[in-house]
Amino acid sequence: MNNIIAYCVNKKGAAKEYPFGPDPLVIKIAGKMFALIFENKGDHSYINLKCDPVIAANLREQHHNVRPGYHMNKKHWNTIAMDGSLPESDLFAMIDHSYDMVVKNLPKSVRESLTK
């Protein structure tokens, strides 16, 4: 779990916040959420990630632990149960996609400040 949090926080411009109380941990870029981490909920932890709707549906079909976003817009967000069934590299790719989806919708000046 610490690897996942560290990976998210190490993204350029990322910041940890707790806007909803002690859980979930929300990771934002320029004030916009790209990851929500729910630690130790039942048998394991979960992460909500933004996703292109077509890719989101495809991931849900391919992986039993990828579901429509919990408490999120189910078309644009997935909830992934971190139960060990997905390689960490796949989870990192999903985090990258979520981050990129949010960054591409930021104002140009903000996007440019992230590349400096």
N, C-alpha and C. Protein backbone atom coordinates (compact mmCIF):
# COMPACT_ATOMS: atom_id res chain seq x y z
N MET A 1 0.83 -1.20 0.00
CA MET A 1 0.00 0.00 0.00
C MET A 1 0.87 1.26 0.00
N ASN A 2 1.94 1.25 0.77
CA ASN A 2 2.82 2.41 0.81
C ASN A 2 3.42 2.71 -0.56
N ASN A 3 3.71 1.65 -1.35
CA ASN A 3 4.24 1.86 -2.70
C ASN A 3 3.23 2.60 -3.56
N ILE A 4 1.97 2.27 -3.42
CA ILE A 4 0.91 2.89 -4.22
C ILE A 4 0.77 4.36 -3.84
N ILE A 5 0.73 4.64 -2.55
CA ILE A 5 0.61 6.03 -2.09
C ILE A 5 1.83 6.83 -2.55
N ALA A 6 3.01 6.28 -2.37
CA ALA A 6 4.23 6.98 -2.78
C ALA A 6 4.23 7.24 -4.28
N TYR A 7 3.78 6.27 -5.07
CA TYR A 7 3.75 6.43 -6.51
C TYR A 7 2.82 7.60 -6.89
N CYS A 8 1.66 7.67 -6.27
CA CYS A 8 0.72 8.75 -6.54
C CYS A 8 1.28 10.11 -6.14
N VAL A 9 1.83 10.18 -4.95
CA VAL A 9 2.32 11.45 -4.41
C VAL A 9 3.54 11.95 -5.17
N ASN A 10 4.30 11.04 -5.75
CA ASN A 10 5.49 11.44 -6.49
C ASN A 10 5.19 11.96 -7.89
N LYS A 11 3.93 11.94 -8.30
CA LYS A 11 3.56 12.51 -9.59
C LYS A 11 3.76 14.03 -9.50
N LYS A 12 4.21 14.62 -10.58
CA LYS A 12 4.50 16.06 -10.63
C LYS A 12 3.27 16.87 -10.20
N GLY A 13 3.43 17.67 -9.13
CA GLY A 13 2.37 18.54 -8.65
C GLY A 13 1.33 17.89 -7.76
N ALA A 14 1.47 16.60 -7.47
CA ALA A 14 0.47 15.88 -6.66
C ALA A 14 0.53 16.30 -5.19
N ALA A 15 -0.64 16.28 -4.56
CA ALA A 15 -0.73 16.63 -3.14
C ALA A 15 -1.73 15.72 -2.45
N LYS A 16 -1.40 15.32 -1.21
CA LYS A 16 -2.31 14.50 -0.40
C LYS A 16 -3.24 15.42 0.37
N GLU A 17 -4.50 15.01 0.45
CA GLU A 17 -5.49 15.75 1.22
C GLU A 17 -6.47 14.77 1.87
N TYR A 18 -7.16 15.26 2.89
CA TYR A 18 -8.21 14.48 3.55
C TYR A 18 -9.47 15.34 3.62
N PRO A 19 -10.08 15.68 2.48
CA PRO A 19 -11.24 16.59 2.49
C PRO A 19 -12.51 15.99 3.06
N PHE A 20 -12.57 14.66 3.18
CA PHE A 20 -13.78 13.98 3.66
C PHE A 20 -13.60 13.40 5.06
N GLY A 21 -12.56 13.81 5.78
CA GLY A 21 -12.27 13.24 7.08
C GLY A 21 -11.06 12.33 6.97
N PRO A 22 -10.87 11.44 7.94
CA PRO A 22 -9.67 10.61 7.96
C PRO A 22 -9.59 9.56 6.85
N ASP A 23 -10.70 9.30 6.17
CA ASP A 23 -10.72 8.32 5.09
C ASP A 23 -11.73 8.78 4.06
N PRO A 24 -11.43 8.78 2.81
CA PRO A 24 -10.23 8.28 2.14
C PRO A 24 -9.13 9.34 2.04
N LEU A 25 -7.94 8.86 1.73
CA LEU A 25 -6.84 9.73 1.34
C LEU A 25 -7.11 10.14 -0.10
N VAL A 26 -7.13 11.44 -0.36
CA VAL A 26 -7.39 11.94 -1.71
C VAL A 26 -6.10 12.54 -2.24
N ILE A 27 -5.75 12.16 -3.46
CA ILE A 27 -4.55 12.72 -4.08
C ILE A 27 -5.00 13.55 -5.26
N LYS A 28 -4.56 14.81 -5.25
CA LYS A 28 -5.02 15.79 -6.23
C LYS A 28 -3.85 16.37 -7.02
N ILE A 29 -4.20 16.88 -8.18
CA ILE A 29 -3.29 17.66 -8.99
C ILE A 29 -4.02 18.97 -9.30
N ALA A 30 -3.44 20.09 -8.92
CA ALA A 30 -4.06 21.41 -9.13
C ALA A 30 -5.49 21.45 -8.60
N GLY A 31 -5.71 20.84 -7.45
CA GLY A 31 -7.02 20.86 -6.81
C GLY A 31 -8.03 19.87 -7.36
N LYS A 32 -7.63 19.05 -8.34
CA LYS A 32 -8.54 18.06 -8.95
C LYS A 32 -8.12 16.65 -8.54
N MET A 33 -9.08 15.85 -8.13
CA MET A 33 -8.79 14.49 -7.68
C MET A 33 -8.39 13.58 -8.84
N PHE A 34 -7.36 12.76 -8.60
CA PHE A 34 -7.07 11.70 -9.57
C PHE A 34 -6.97 10.34 -8.89
N ALA A 35 -6.91 10.31 -7.56
CA ALA A 35 -6.90 9.03 -6.83
C ALA A 35 -7.51 9.23 -5.45
N LEU A 36 -8.32 8.25 -5.05
CA LEU A 36 -8.85 8.19 -3.69
C LEU A 36 -8.49 6.82 -3.16
N ILE A 37 -7.87 6.79 -2.00
CA ILE A 37 -7.41 5.53 -1.43
C ILE A 37 -8.14 5.26 -0.13
N PHE A 38 -8.83 4.13 -0.11
CA PHE A 38 -9.55 3.67 1.08
C PHE A 38 -8.73 2.52 1.67
N GLU A 39 -8.07 2.77 2.79
CA GLU A 39 -7.19 1.76 3.36
C GLU A 39 -7.94 0.82 4.30
N ASN A 40 -7.60 -0.46 4.20
CA ASN A 40 -8.10 -1.50 5.11
C ASN A 40 -9.61 -1.48 5.29
N LYS A 41 -10.32 -1.57 4.17
CA LYS A 41 -11.78 -1.67 4.21
C LYS A 41 -12.15 -3.13 4.02
N GLY A 42 -12.42 -3.81 5.10
CA GLY A 42 -12.71 -5.24 5.00
C GLY A 42 -11.43 -6.02 4.81
N ASP A 43 -11.41 -6.85 3.77
CA ASP A 43 -10.26 -7.73 3.54
C ASP A 43 -9.05 -7.03 2.97
N HIS A 44 -9.24 -5.89 2.27
CA HIS A 44 -8.13 -5.21 1.64
C HIS A 44 -8.45 -3.73 1.44
N SER A 45 -7.52 -3.03 0.80
CA SER A 45 -7.70 -1.62 0.50
C SER A 45 -8.22 -1.46 -0.92
N TYR A 46 -8.71 -0.26 -1.21
CA TYR A 46 -9.27 0.05 -2.52
C TYR A 46 -8.71 1.38 -3.00
N ILE A 47 -8.67 1.54 -4.32
CA ILE A 47 -8.28 2.82 -4.91
C ILE A 47 -9.28 3.16 -6.00
N ASN A 48 -9.76 4.41 -5.99
CA ASN A 48 -10.62 4.93 -7.05
C ASN A 48 -9.74 5.73 -8.00
N LEU A 49 -9.87 5.44 -9.29
CA LEU A 49 -9.08 6.13 -10.30
C LEU A 49 -9.97 6.56 -11.46
N LYS A 50 -9.70 7.75 -11.97
CA LYS A 50 -10.41 8.26 -13.14
C LYS A 50 -9.98 7.44 -14.35
N CYS A 51 -10.90 7.25 -15.29
CA CYS A 51 -10.59 6.41 -16.44
C CYS A 51 -11.48 6.79 -17.63
N ASP A 52 -10.91 6.73 -18.82
CA ASP A 52 -11.69 6.89 -20.04
C ASP A 52 -12.82 5.85 -20.00
N PRO A 53 -14.06 6.24 -20.32
CA PRO A 53 -15.18 5.31 -20.20
C PRO A 53 -15.02 3.99 -20.97
N VAL A 54 -14.47 4.03 -22.16
CA VAL A 54 -14.29 2.81 -22.95
C VAL A 54 -13.26 1.90 -22.28
N ILE A 55 -12.16 2.50 -21.83
CA ILE A 55 -11.12 1.72 -21.15
C ILE A 55 -11.65 1.19 -19.82
N ALA A 56 -12.44 2.02 -19.12
CA ALA A 56 -13.00 1.60 -17.83
C ALA A 56 -13.85 0.34 -17.99
N ALA A 57 -14.71 0.34 -19.00
CA ALA A 57 -15.57 -0.83 -19.24
C ALA A 57 -14.72 -2.05 -19.59
N ASN A 58 -13.71 -1.86 -20.39
CA ASN A 58 -12.81 -2.95 -20.78
C ASN A 58 -12.09 -3.54 -19.56
N LEU A 59 -11.59 -2.67 -18.69
CA LEU A 59 -10.90 -3.15 -17.49
C LEU A 59 -11.84 -3.93 -16.58
N ARG A 60 -13.09 -3.49 -16.48
CA ARG A 60 -14.08 -4.19 -15.65
C ARG A 60 -14.37 -5.58 -16.19
N GLU A 61 -14.36 -5.71 -17.52
CA GLU A 61 -14.59 -7.02 -18.14
C GLU A 61 -13.40 -7.95 -17.94
N GLN A 62 -12.20 -7.40 -17.93
CA GLN A 62 -10.97 -8.20 -17.85
C GLN A 62 -10.59 -8.61 -16.43
N HIS A 63 -10.95 -7.79 -15.45
CA HIS A 63 -10.47 -8.03 -14.08
C HIS A 63 -11.64 -8.05 -13.09
N HIS A 64 -11.72 -9.11 -12.31
CA HIS A 64 -12.82 -9.21 -11.34
C HIS A 64 -12.73 -8.17 -10.23
N ASN A 65 -11.53 -7.63 -9.98
CA ASN A 65 -11.37 -6.68 -8.88
C ASN A 65 -11.50 -5.22 -9.33
N VAL A 66 -11.87 -4.98 -10.59
CA VAL A 66 -12.11 -3.62 -11.08
C VAL A 66 -13.61 -3.45 -11.27
N ARG A 67 -14.17 -2.47 -10.55
CA ARG A 67 -15.61 -2.25 -10.56
C ARG A 67 -15.92 -0.78 -10.81
N PRO A 68 -17.18 -0.46 -11.11
CA PRO A 68 -17.54 0.96 -11.24
C PRO A 68 -17.18 1.73 -9.96
N GLY A 69 -16.80 2.99 -10.11
CA GLY A 69 -16.31 3.80 -8.99
C GLY A 69 -17.27 3.90 -7.82
N TYR A 70 -16.79 3.53 -6.65
CA TYR A 70 -17.54 3.61 -5.40
C TYR A 70 -17.72 5.08 -5.03
N HIS A 71 -18.96 5.53 -4.90
CA HIS A 71 -19.32 6.92 -4.58
C HIS A 71 -18.80 7.91 -5.61
N MET A 72 -18.64 7.47 -6.86
CA MET A 72 -18.11 8.34 -7.91
C MET A 72 -19.00 8.20 -9.15
N ASN A 73 -18.74 9.02 -10.17
CA ASN A 73 -19.40 8.87 -11.45
C ASN A 73 -18.94 7.54 -12.05
N LYS A 74 -19.83 6.59 -12.13
CA LYS A 74 -19.47 5.22 -12.51
C LYS A 74 -19.04 5.09 -13.97
N LYS A 75 -19.32 6.09 -14.77
CA LYS A 75 -18.88 6.07 -16.16
C LYS A 75 -17.39 6.44 -16.26
N HIS A 76 -16.93 7.32 -15.39
CA HIS A 76 -15.58 7.87 -15.49
C HIS A 76 -14.61 7.42 -14.40
N TRP A 77 -15.07 6.64 -13.46
CA TRP A 77 -14.20 6.21 -12.36
C TRP A 77 -14.32 4.71 -12.14
N ASN A 78 -13.20 4.10 -11.81
CA ASN A 78 -13.16 2.69 -11.40
C ASN A 78 -12.70 2.59 -9.96
N THR A 79 -13.20 1.59 -9.27
CA THR A 79 -12.68 1.22 -7.96
C THR A 79 -11.95 -0.10 -8.14
N ILE A 80 -10.70 -0.13 -7.70
CA ILE A 80 -9.88 -1.33 -7.83
C ILE A 80 -9.59 -1.88 -6.44
N ALA A 81 -9.99 -3.12 -6.22
CA ALA A 81 -9.67 -3.79 -4.96
C ALA A 81 -8.20 -4.21 -5.03
N MET A 82 -7.43 -3.76 -4.08
CA MET A 82 -6.01 -4.10 -4.06
C MET A 82 -5.84 -5.40 -3.28
N ASP A 83 -6.23 -6.47 -3.95
CA ASP A 83 -6.24 -7.80 -3.34
C ASP A 83 -5.07 -8.67 -3.79
N GLY A 84 -4.12 -8.07 -4.53
CA GLY A 84 -2.96 -8.81 -5.00
C GLY A 84 -3.16 -9.51 -6.33
N SER A 85 -4.35 -9.44 -6.90
CA SER A 85 -4.60 -10.15 -8.16
C SER A 85 -4.07 -9.38 -9.38
N LEU A 86 -3.83 -8.09 -9.22
CA LEU A 86 -3.26 -7.28 -10.31
C LEU A 86 -1.80 -7.02 -10.02
N PRO A 87 -0.92 -7.17 -11.02
CA PRO A 87 0.48 -6.79 -10.80
C PRO A 87 0.57 -5.30 -10.49
N GLU A 88 1.52 -4.94 -9.66
CA GLU A 88 1.70 -3.54 -9.28
C GLU A 88 1.92 -2.67 -10.52
N SER A 89 2.60 -3.21 -11.54
CA SER A 89 2.84 -2.44 -12.77
C SER A 89 1.53 -2.07 -13.46
N ASP A 90 0.53 -2.96 -13.43
CA ASP A 90 -0.78 -2.65 -14.02
C ASP A 90 -1.47 -1.54 -13.23
N LEU A 91 -1.36 -1.60 -11.91
CA LEU A 91 -1.95 -0.57 -11.07
C LEU A 91 -1.26 0.77 -11.32
N PHE A 92 0.06 0.76 -11.46
CA PHE A 92 0.79 1.99 -11.77
C PHE A 92 0.32 2.56 -13.11
N ALA A 93 0.08 1.72 -14.10
CA ALA A 93 -0.40 2.18 -15.41
C ALA A 93 -1.78 2.82 -15.28
N MET A 94 -2.64 2.26 -14.42
CA MET A 94 -3.97 2.84 -14.20
C MET A 94 -3.85 4.19 -13.49
N ILE A 95 -2.91 4.31 -12.56
CA ILE A 95 -2.68 5.58 -11.87
C ILE A 95 -2.18 6.61 -12.88
N ASP A 96 -1.24 6.22 -13.74
CA ASP A 96 -0.73 7.13 -14.78
C ASP A 96 -1.87 7.64 -15.66
N HIS A 97 -2.75 6.73 -16.05
CA HIS A 97 -3.88 7.08 -16.91
C HIS A 97 -4.80 8.08 -16.19
N SER A 98 -5.10 7.84 -14.94
CA SER A 98 -5.96 8.73 -14.17
C SER A 98 -5.33 10.12 -14.07
N TYR A 99 -4.07 10.16 -13.73
CA TYR A 99 -3.33 11.43 -13.61
C TYR A 99 -3.38 12.18 -14.95
N ASP A 100 -3.08 11.46 -16.04
CA ASP A 100 -3.06 12.08 -17.36
C ASP A 100 -4.44 12.60 -17.77
N MET A 101 -5.49 11.85 -17.42
CA MET A 101 -6.87 12.28 -17.73
C MET A 101 -7.18 13.62 -17.04
N VAL A 102 -6.74 13.76 -15.80
CA VAL A 102 -7.01 14.99 -15.06
C VAL A 102 -6.13 16.13 -15.59
N VAL A 103 -4.86 15.85 -15.81
CA VAL A 103 -3.94 16.89 -16.28
C VAL A 103 -4.39 17.46 -17.63
N LYS A 104 -4.85 16.62 -18.53
CA LYS A 104 -5.22 17.10 -19.87
C LYS A 104 -6.39 18.09 -19.84
N ASN A 105 -7.17 18.07 -18.76
CA ASN A 105 -8.30 19.00 -18.63
C ASN A 105 -7.98 20.24 -17.80
N LEU A 106 -6.75 20.38 -17.36
CA LEU A 106 -6.34 21.56 -16.60
C LEU A 106 -6.07 22.71 -17.58
N PRO A 107 -6.16 23.94 -17.10
CA PRO A 107 -5.82 25.07 -17.97
C PRO A 107 -4.38 24.94 -18.49
N LYS A 108 -4.17 25.46 -19.69
CA LYS A 108 -2.87 25.34 -20.35
C LYS A 108 -1.73 25.85 -19.47
N SER A 109 -1.92 26.96 -18.79
CA SER A 109 -0.86 27.52 -17.95
C SER A 109 -0.48 26.57 -16.81
N VAL A 110 -1.47 25.88 -16.27
CA VAL A 110 -1.20 24.92 -15.20
C VAL A 110 -0.47 23.71 -15.76
N ARG A 111 -0.93 23.20 -16.91
CA ARG A 111 -0.26 22.06 -17.55
C ARG A 111 1.21 22.39 -17.84
N GLU A 112 1.44 23.59 -18.36
CA GLU A 112 2.81 23.99 -18.68
C GLU A 112 3.67 24.10 -17.43
N SER A 113 3.09 24.54 -16.32
CA SER A 113 3.88 24.65 -15.08
C SER A 113 4.29 23.26 -14.58
N LEU A 114 3.57 22.22 -14.94
CA LEU A 114 3.91 20.87 -14.51
C LEU A 114 5.07 20.28 -15.30
N THR A 115 5.37 20.83 -16.45
CA THR A 115 6.46 20.30 -17.27
C THR A 115 7.78 21.02 -17.03
N LYS A 116 7.76 22.03 -16.19
CA LYS A 116 9.00 22.80 -15.92
C LYS A 116 9.82 22.14 -14.86
